[in-house]
Amino acid sequence: MGYYDIDDILADSVEIPCKFQHDIPGLGYLENNPGKPVKKNAKLELPLWLARILAIIDGDTNEGELNQDEESVPFVELLTPDMFSPKVINAIKADPTSLDLHAINSYFYALALKWISLFSDREFADIVTTLLLERSQAINNHASSVSVEFKSSLDSVRGTQVTAGASNAAASMFLLTLDEFEKKVYKKSHESYKETKKWMFEK
């Protein structure tokens, strides 16, 4: 994604649960305690762009305090958000097409990719890949049900108009469950089918 990709920026702004692994002075306002420190083991939600930085940076600023055998501890530990909880994972495995991704998070795939990259989680990557493949088939089926209006020379003479395809309530309900990435997939597929059918009818 590009630097100015609005969807990527919005995905990075989603708050992720974190556990502080050090006492941090002056950040008490994050817990509605201005002027106080954030205590070690405090759990707060931070935007992903900030959380992933703090999860990498060494919180032990005084190098002399660490022994050679000790590992450095970052400022925060990233906790699994509800959108990637076992409950959601089980729902994905049970029936991916019935899942309301938009309700879970409208940037589900973008966040899943970032999470997989952070933790190199191959198992989760396989689950998300399967989710996308199965939902893409359903998206393609709905996208192919397009209405195309055209008039042939014979239609013009008869004053008739032929309409192919029709939308239905079930399709509308499914489209409401799409996350932002899936909406783009649907739009491109829908436009492609529409232009193809238009070309075939007017040929």
C-alpha atoms as a PDB file:
ATOM      1  CA  MET A   1       0.000   0.000   0.000  1.00  0.00           C
ATOM      2  CA  GLY A   2       1.121   3.545  -0.716  1.00  0.00           C
ATOM      3  CA  TYR A   3       2.161   6.095   1.867  1.00  0.00           C
ATOM      4  CA  TYR A   4      -1.001   8.114   1.231  1.00  0.00           C
ATOM      5  CA  ASP A   5      -3.377   5.127   1.114  1.00  0.00           C
ATOM      6  CA  ILE A   6      -6.291   6.301   3.259  1.00  0.00           C
ATOM      7  CA  ASP A   7      -7.384   2.730   4.060  1.00  0.00           C
ATOM      8  CA  ASP A   8      -3.877   1.885   5.288  1.00  0.00           C
ATOM      9  CA  ILE A   9      -3.816   5.006   7.447  1.00  0.00           C
ATOM     10  CA  LEU A  10      -7.220   4.175   8.957  1.00  0.00           C
ATOM     11  CA  ALA A  11      -6.164   0.576   9.581  1.00  0.00           C
ATOM     12  CA  ASP A  12      -3.048   1.798  11.410  1.00  0.00           C
ATOM     13  CA  SER A  13      -5.243   3.968  13.628  1.00  0.00           C
ATOM     14  CA  VAL A  14      -7.222   0.997  14.970  1.00  0.00           C
ATOM     15  CA  GLU A  15      -6.534   0.551  18.676  1.00  0.00           C
ATOM     16  CA  ILE A  16      -4.844  -2.643  19.838  1.00  0.00           C
ATOM     17  CA  PRO A  17      -4.718  -3.883  23.466  1.00  0.00           C
ATOM     18  CA  CYS A  18      -1.261  -3.630  25.011  1.00  0.00           C
ATOM     19  CA  LYS A  19       0.352  -4.424  28.346  1.00  0.00           C
ATOM     20  CA  PHE A  20       3.016  -2.046  29.601  1.00  0.00           C
ATOM     21  CA  GLN A  21       6.178  -3.798  30.764  1.00  0.00           C
ATOM     22  CA  HIS A  22       7.719  -0.787  32.503  1.00  0.00           C
ATOM     23  CA  ASP A  23       6.593   2.117  34.655  1.00  0.00           C
ATOM     24  CA  ILE A  24       6.342   5.088  32.268  1.00  0.00           C
ATOM     25  CA  PRO A  25       6.327   8.519  33.950  1.00  0.00           C
ATOM     26  CA  GLY A  26       3.985  11.230  32.707  1.00  0.00           C
ATOM     27  CA  LEU A  27       1.624   8.989  30.713  1.00  0.00           C
ATOM     28  CA  GLY A  28      -1.038   8.631  33.369  1.00  0.00           C
ATOM     29  CA  TYR A  29      -3.407  10.708  31.229  1.00  0.00           C
ATOM     30  CA  LEU A  30      -3.882   7.596  29.111  1.00  0.00           C
ATOM     31  CA  GLU A  31      -5.672   6.149  32.150  1.00  0.00           C
ATOM     32  CA  ASN A  32      -7.366   9.455  33.026  1.00  0.00           C
ATOM     33  CA  ASN A  33      -4.716  10.098  35.702  1.00  0.00           C
ATOM     34  CA  PRO A  34      -2.889  13.228  34.484  1.00  0.00           C
ATOM     35  CA  GLY A  35       0.555  13.703  35.992  1.00  0.00           C
ATOM     36  CA  LYS A  36       0.784  10.090  37.145  1.00  0.00           C
ATOM     37  CA  PRO A  37       2.888   7.320  35.620  1.00  0.00           C
ATOM     38  CA  VAL A  38       1.546   4.343  33.737  1.00  0.00           C
ATOM     39  CA  LYS A  39       2.382   1.389  35.925  1.00  0.00           C
ATOM     40  CA  LYS A  40       3.976  -1.851  34.829  1.00  0.00           C
ATOM     41  CA  ASN A  41       1.374  -4.486  33.762  1.00  0.00           C
ATOM     42  CA  ALA A  42      -1.225  -1.782  33.039  1.00  0.00           C
ATOM     43  CA  LYS A  43      -3.382  -2.747  30.051  1.00  0.00           C
ATOM     44  CA  LEU A  44      -4.350  -0.027  27.601  1.00  0.00           C
ATOM     45  CA  GLU A  45      -5.428   0.232  23.979  1.00  0.00           C
ATOM     46  CA  LEU A  46      -3.074   2.113  21.658  1.00  0.00           C
ATOM     47  CA  PRO A  47      -3.276   2.801  17.910  1.00  0.00           C
ATOM     48  CA  LEU A  48      -1.469   0.100  15.982  1.00  0.00           C
ATOM     49  CA  TRP A  49       1.078   2.491  14.454  1.00  0.00           C
ATOM     50  CA  LEU A  50       2.252   3.438  17.957  1.00  0.00           C
ATOM     51  CA  ALA A  51       1.818   0.065  19.626  1.00  0.00           C
ATOM     52  CA  ARG A  52       4.017  -1.806  17.159  1.00  0.00           C
ATOM     53  CA  ILE A  53       6.837   0.726  17.640  1.00  0.00           C
ATOM     54  CA  LEU A  54       6.668   0.476  21.418  1.00  0.00           C
ATOM     55  CA  ALA A  55       6.586  -3.324  21.135  1.00  0.00           C
ATOM     56  CA  ILE A  56       9.971  -3.240  19.395  1.00  0.00           C
ATOM     57  CA  ILE A  57      11.851  -0.458  21.190  1.00  0.00           C
ATOM     58  CA  ASP A  58      13.869  -1.492  24.216  1.00  0.00           C
ATOM     59  CA  GLY A  59      12.304  -0.077  27.369  1.00  0.00           C
ATOM     60  CA  ASP A  60      15.529  -0.431  29.393  1.00  0.00           C
ATOM     61  CA  THR A  61      17.104   2.882  28.495  1.00  0.00           C
ATOM     62  CA  ASN A  62      20.021   2.460  30.905  1.00  0.00           C
ATOM     63  CA  GLU A  63      22.179  -0.149  29.242  1.00  0.00           C
ATOM     64  CA  GLY A  64      24.313  -0.499  32.359  1.00  0.00           C
ATOM     65  CA  GLU A  65      21.377  -1.931  34.267  1.00  0.00           C
ATOM     66  CA  LEU A  66      21.252  -5.011  32.040  1.00  0.00           C
ATOM     67  CA  ASN A  67      23.512  -7.997  32.482  1.00  0.00           C
ATOM     68  CA  GLN A  68      24.895  -9.603  29.374  1.00  0.00           C
ATOM     69  CA  ASP A  69      22.717 -12.670  29.894  1.00  0.00           C
ATOM     70  CA  GLU A  70      19.514 -10.655  30.268  1.00  0.00           C
ATOM     71  CA  GLU A  71      17.238  -9.920  27.338  1.00  0.00           C
ATOM     72  CA  SER A  72      15.972  -6.406  26.775  1.00  0.00           C
ATOM     73  CA  VAL A  73      12.272  -5.852  27.419  1.00  0.00           C
ATOM     74  CA  PRO A  74      10.281  -3.570  25.093  1.00  0.00           C
ATOM     75  CA  PHE A  75       7.938  -0.887  26.418  1.00  0.00           C
ATOM     76  CA  VAL A  76       4.758  -2.858  25.688  1.00  0.00           C
ATOM     77  CA  GLU A  77       3.566  -6.337  24.848  1.00  0.00           C
ATOM     78  CA  LEU A  78       0.949  -6.599  22.124  1.00  0.00           C
ATOM     79  CA  LEU A  79      -2.129  -8.557  23.196  1.00  0.00           C
ATOM     80  CA  THR A  80      -4.414 -10.392  20.801  1.00  0.00           C
ATOM     81  CA  PRO A  81      -7.323  -8.109  19.843  1.00  0.00           C
ATOM     82  CA  ASP A  82     -10.918  -9.357  19.885  1.00  0.00           C
ATOM     83  CA  MET A  83     -11.018  -9.401  16.082  1.00  0.00           C
ATOM     84  CA  PHE A  84      -8.421 -12.218  16.086  1.00  0.00           C
ATOM     85  CA  SER A  85      -9.758 -14.043  19.142  1.00  0.00           C
ATOM     86  CA  PRO A  86     -10.326 -17.837  19.182  1.00  0.00           C
ATOM     87  CA  LYS A  87     -14.072 -17.155  18.873  1.00  0.00           C
ATOM     88  CA  VAL A  88     -13.569 -15.340  15.564  1.00  0.00           C
ATOM     89  CA  ILE A  89     -11.048 -17.915  14.326  1.00  0.00           C
ATOM     90  CA  ASN A  90     -13.528 -20.725  15.033  1.00  0.00           C
ATOM     91  CA  ALA A  91     -16.267 -18.805  13.212  1.00  0.00           C
ATOM     92  CA  ILE A  92     -13.962 -18.425  10.198  1.00  0.00           C
ATOM     93  CA  LYS A  93     -13.238 -22.147  10.158  1.00  0.00           C
ATOM     94  CA  ALA A  94     -16.936 -23.025  10.543  1.00  0.00           C
ATOM     95  CA  ASP A  95     -18.409 -20.868   7.765  1.00  0.00           C
ATOM     96  CA  PRO A  96     -16.351 -18.018   6.283  1.00  0.00           C
ATOM     97  CA  THR A  97     -19.130 -16.720   4.013  1.00  0.00           C
ATOM     98  CA  SER A  98     -21.602 -16.198   6.869  1.00  0.00           C
ATOM     99  CA  LEU A  99     -19.153 -14.065   8.840  1.00  0.00           C
ATOM    100  CA  ASP A 100     -19.892 -10.342   9.155  1.00  0.00           C
ATOM    101  CA  LEU A 101     -16.371  -8.997   8.678  1.00  0.00           C
ATOM    102  CA  HIS A 102     -17.577  -5.418   8.545  1.00  0.00           C
ATOM    103  CA  ALA A 103     -19.043  -5.771  12.041  1.00  0.00           C
ATOM    104  CA  ILE A 104     -15.828  -7.358  13.351  1.00  0.00           C
ATOM    105  CA  ASN A 105     -13.665  -4.646  11.805  1.00  0.00           C
ATOM    106  CA  SER A 106     -14.055  -2.810   8.517  1.00  0.00           C
ATOM    107  CA  TYR A 107     -10.288  -3.158   7.895  1.00  0.00           C
ATOM    108  CA  PHE A 108     -10.015  -6.809   8.873  1.00  0.00           C
ATOM    109  CA  TYR A 109      -7.690  -7.961   6.055  1.00  0.00           C
ATOM    110  CA  ALA A 110      -5.375  -4.950   6.317  1.00  0.00           C
ATOM    111  CA  LEU A 111      -5.008  -5.517  10.057  1.00  0.00           C
ATOM    112  CA  ALA A 112      -4.614  -9.266   9.613  1.00  0.00           C
ATOM    113  CA  LEU A 113      -1.706  -8.713   7.202  1.00  0.00           C
ATOM    114  CA  LYS A 114      -0.014  -6.347   9.646  1.00  0.00           C
ATOM    115  CA  TRP A 115      -0.535  -8.799  12.530  1.00  0.00           C
ATOM    116  CA  ILE A 116       0.845 -11.716  10.511  1.00  0.00           C
ATOM    117  CA  SER A 117       3.874  -9.626   9.545  1.00  0.00           C
ATOM    118  CA  LEU A 118       4.546  -8.642  13.157  1.00  0.00           C
ATOM    119  CA  PHE A 119       4.421 -12.170  14.527  1.00  0.00           C
ATOM    120  CA  SER A 120       5.281 -14.256  11.451  1.00  0.00           C
ATOM    121  CA  ASP A 121       2.167 -16.285  12.259  1.00  0.00           C
ATOM    122  CA  ARG A 122       2.008 -18.901   9.503  1.00  0.00           C
ATOM    123  CA  GLU A 123      -1.055 -20.657  10.933  1.00  0.00           C
ATOM    124  CA  PHE A 124      -3.062 -17.436  11.073  1.00  0.00           C
ATOM    125  CA  ALA A 125      -1.866 -16.582   7.567  1.00  0.00           C
ATOM    126  CA  ASP A 126      -3.290 -19.878   6.281  1.00  0.00           C
ATOM    127  CA  ILE A 127      -6.615 -19.179   8.022  1.00  0.00           C
ATOM    128  CA  VAL A 128      -6.877 -15.687   6.512  1.00  0.00           C
ATOM    129  CA  THR A 129      -5.926 -17.024   3.074  1.00  0.00           C
ATOM    130  CA  THR A 130      -8.688 -19.632   3.247  1.00  0.00           C
ATOM    131  CA  LEU A 131     -11.127 -16.962   4.444  1.00  0.00           C
ATOM    132  CA  LEU A 132     -10.317 -14.712   1.494  1.00  0.00           C
ATOM    133  CA  LEU A 133     -10.502 -17.509  -1.078  1.00  0.00           C
ATOM    134  CA  GLU A 134     -13.898 -18.766   0.072  1.00  0.00           C
ATOM    135  CA  ARG A 135     -15.423 -15.318   0.465  1.00  0.00           C
ATOM    136  CA  SER A 136     -14.008 -14.252  -2.895  1.00  0.00           C
ATOM    137  CA  GLN A 137     -16.021 -17.003  -4.573  1.00  0.00           C
ATOM    138  CA  ALA A 138     -19.211 -15.682  -2.956  1.00  0.00           C
ATOM    139  CA  ILE A 139     -18.262 -12.113  -3.881  1.00  0.00           C
ATOM    140  CA  ASN A 140     -17.687 -13.202  -7.474  1.00  0.00           C
ATOM    141  CA  ASN A 141     -21.083 -14.929  -7.607  1.00  0.00           C
ATOM    142  CA  HIS A 142     -22.848 -11.767  -6.436  1.00  0.00           C
ATOM    143  CA  ALA A 143     -20.755  -9.549  -8.696  1.00  0.00           C
ATOM    144  CA  SER A 144     -21.742 -11.615 -11.753  1.00  0.00           C
ATOM    145  CA  SER A 145     -25.440 -10.930 -11.124  1.00  0.00           C
ATOM    146  CA  VAL A 146     -25.383  -7.588 -12.884  1.00  0.00           C
ATOM    147  CA  SER A 147     -28.101  -5.744 -14.753  1.00  0.00           C
ATOM    148  CA  VAL A 148     -27.190  -4.488 -18.195  1.00  0.00           C
ATOM    149  CA  GLU A 149     -29.505  -2.406 -20.307  1.00  0.00           C
ATOM    150  CA  PHE A 150     -28.996  -2.340 -24.037  1.00  0.00           C
ATOM    151  CA  LYS A 151     -30.888  -1.807 -27.260  1.00  0.00           C
ATOM    152  CA  SER A 152     -30.193  -3.662 -30.448  1.00  0.00           C
ATOM    153  CA  SER A 153     -31.399  -2.340 -33.771  1.00  0.00           C
ATOM    154  CA  LEU A 154     -34.349  -4.738 -33.554  1.00  0.00           C
ATOM    155  CA  ASP A 155     -35.153  -3.547 -30.028  1.00  0.00           C
ATOM    156  CA  SER A 156     -35.191   0.033 -31.234  1.00  0.00           C
ATOM    157  CA  VAL A 157     -37.709  -0.822 -33.908  1.00  0.00           C
ATOM    158  CA  ARG A 158     -39.928  -2.709 -31.473  1.00  0.00           C
ATOM    159  CA  GLY A 159     -39.400  -0.150 -28.700  1.00  0.00           C
ATOM    160  CA  THR A 160     -38.419  -2.880 -26.234  1.00  0.00           C
ATOM    161  CA  GLN A 161     -35.605  -3.023 -23.723  1.00  0.00           C
ATOM    162  CA  VAL A 162     -33.874  -6.126 -22.467  1.00  0.00           C
ATOM    163  CA  THR A 163     -32.544  -6.307 -18.943  1.00  0.00           C
ATOM    164  CA  ALA A 164     -30.244  -9.103 -17.811  1.00  0.00           C
ATOM    165  CA  GLY A 165     -29.710 -10.111 -14.199  1.00  0.00           C
ATOM    166  CA  ALA A 166     -31.406  -8.942 -11.003  1.00  0.00           C
ATOM    167  CA  SER A 167     -30.425  -8.084  -7.470  1.00  0.00           C
ATOM    168  CA  ASN A 168     -32.032  -9.703  -4.470  1.00  0.00           C
ATOM    169  CA  ALA A 169     -32.304  -9.208  -0.743  1.00  0.00           C
ATOM    170  CA  ALA A 170     -29.857 -12.022   0.078  1.00  0.00           C
ATOM    171  CA  ALA A 171     -27.170 -10.425  -2.081  1.00  0.00           C
ATOM    172  CA  SER A 172     -27.726  -7.051  -0.442  1.00  0.00           C
ATOM    173  CA  MET A 173     -27.374  -8.560   3.020  1.00  0.00           C
ATOM    174  CA  PHE A 174     -24.134 -10.309   2.073  1.00  0.00           C
ATOM    175  CA  LEU A 175     -22.641  -7.125   0.666  1.00  0.00           C
ATOM    176  CA  LEU A 176     -23.206  -5.412   4.008  1.00  0.00           C
ATOM    177  CA  THR A 177     -20.824  -7.926   5.621  1.00  0.00           C
ATOM    178  CA  LEU A 178     -17.852  -7.025   3.402  1.00  0.00           C
ATOM    179  CA  ASP A 179     -14.815  -5.278   4.805  1.00  0.00           C
ATOM    180  CA  GLU A 180     -13.199  -2.386   2.880  1.00  0.00           C
ATOM    181  CA  PHE A 181     -10.840  -4.619   0.889  1.00  0.00           C
ATOM    182  CA  GLU A 182     -13.672  -6.955  -0.121  1.00  0.00           C
ATOM    183  CA  LYS A 183     -15.758  -3.965  -1.225  1.00  0.00           C
ATOM    184  CA  LYS A 184     -12.988  -3.044  -3.658  1.00  0.00           C
ATOM    185  CA  VAL A 185     -12.863  -6.631  -4.931  1.00  0.00           C
ATOM    186  CA  TYR A 186     -16.639  -6.637  -5.430  1.00  0.00           C
ATOM    187  CA  LYS A 187     -16.631  -3.273  -7.200  1.00  0.00           C
ATOM    188  CA  LYS A 188     -13.910  -4.294  -9.647  1.00  0.00           C
ATOM    189  CA  SER A 189     -15.554  -7.660 -10.336  1.00  0.00           C
ATOM    190  CA  HIS A 190     -18.988  -6.089 -10.744  1.00  0.00           C
ATOM    191  CA  GLU A 191     -17.717  -3.477 -13.191  1.00  0.00           C
ATOM    192  CA  SER A 192     -15.805  -6.131 -15.127  1.00  0.00           C
ATOM    193  CA  TYR A 193     -18.877  -8.372 -15.517  1.00  0.00           C
ATOM    194  CA  LYS A 194     -21.033  -5.399 -16.430  1.00  0.00           C
ATOM    195  CA  GLU A 195     -18.677  -4.190 -19.149  1.00  0.00           C
ATOM    196  CA  THR A 196     -18.249  -7.729 -20.500  1.00  0.00           C
ATOM    197  CA  LYS A 197     -22.005  -8.338 -20.738  1.00  0.00           C
ATOM    198  CA  LYS A 198     -22.519  -4.919 -22.281  1.00  0.00           C
ATOM    199  CA  TRP A 199     -19.898  -5.691 -24.917  1.00  0.00           C
ATOM    200  CA  MET A 200     -21.456  -9.103 -25.662  1.00  0.00           C
ATOM    201  CA  PHE A 201     -24.989  -7.692 -26.045  1.00  0.00           C
ATOM    202  CA  GLU A 202     -23.898  -4.783 -28.213  1.00  0.00           C
ATOM    203  CA  LYS A 203     -21.583  -6.821 -30.383  1.00  0.00           C
END
